[in-house]
Amino acid sequence: MTEHIRSVSKARLWKKIGKLSEEAMRKVEEAVMVSLGVLSSKDNVFQKGGEGRGPK
C-alpha cells in the first residue's frame, strides 16, 4: 500500500480537497506503521469500536 513515504511542506498544499473518515484514517495509520516496520501486517492495531491495543 505504501511504497514510498514522503513529507510535504504545508506551504505546498494549496487547498483542501477532502476529508478522511476516522475509519479510513485508522487504516492509513496502520499501513504507515506496517511500512515503517513498527508492527507486522498480521497485527490488528485498531480494533473496531474502541481503543486499539497499539504496537507491541
Protein backbone atom coordinates (compact mmCIF):
# COMPACT_ATOMS: atom_id res chain seq x y z
CA MET A 1 0.00 0.00 0.00
CA THR A 2 2.72 2.48 0.89
CA GLU A 3 5.65 2.10 -1.48
CA HIS A 4 7.24 5.41 -0.54
CA ILE A 5 6.58 7.78 2.32
CA ARG A 6 7.33 11.46 1.78
CA SER A 7 6.78 14.57 3.81
CA VAL A 8 5.40 17.69 2.18
CA SER A 9 5.55 21.24 3.46
CA LYS A 10 2.17 22.72 4.35
CA ALA A 11 3.13 25.69 2.16
CA ARG A 12 2.94 23.40 -0.89
CA LEU A 13 -0.65 22.40 -0.11
CA TRP A 14 -2.94 24.89 -1.80
CA LYS A 15 -6.43 23.81 -0.90
CA LYS A 16 -8.27 21.12 0.98
CA ILE A 17 -9.90 18.62 -1.39
CA GLY A 18 -11.49 16.24 1.07
CA LYS A 19 -11.57 14.71 4.49
CA LEU A 20 -10.96 11.14 5.66
CA SER A 21 -13.35 9.38 7.97
CA GLU A 22 -11.99 8.15 11.31
CA GLU A 23 -12.07 4.57 9.99
CA ALA A 24 -10.13 5.50 6.83
CA MET A 25 -7.57 7.42 8.93
CA ARG A 26 -7.09 4.39 11.18
CA LYS A 27 -6.35 2.28 8.10
CA VAL A 28 -3.83 4.86 6.85
CA GLU A 29 -2.12 4.98 10.26
CA GLU A 30 -1.89 1.19 10.41
CA ALA A 31 -0.49 0.99 6.86
CA VAL A 32 2.18 3.58 7.72
CA MET A 33 3.18 1.64 10.85
CA VAL A 34 3.45 -1.59 8.84
CA SER A 35 5.50 0.20 6.17
CA LEU A 36 7.88 1.59 8.80
CA GLY A 37 8.23 -1.83 10.43
CA VAL A 38 6.65 -0.72 13.71
CA LEU A 39 4.28 -3.69 13.53
CA SER A 40 3.63 -6.63 11.26
CA SER A 41 0.81 -6.76 8.75
CA LYS A 42 -0.80 -9.53 10.86
CA ASP A 43 -1.25 -7.24 13.88
CA ASN A 44 -4.65 -5.63 14.31
CA VAL A 45 -3.75 -2.32 15.92
CA PHE A 46 -7.06 -0.55 15.70
CA GLN A 47 -9.95 -2.63 16.90
CA LYS A 48 -13.37 -1.59 15.67
CA GLY A 49 -15.49 0.12 18.26
CA GLY A 50 -12.84 1.26 20.71
CA GLU A 51 -9.24 1.94 21.51
CA GLY A 52 -6.66 -0.22 19.81
CA ARG A 53 -4.07 -2.11 21.73
CA GLY A 54 -1.23 -0.27 19.97
CA PRO A 55 2.08 -1.64 18.75
CA LYS A 56 3.87 -4.26 20.82
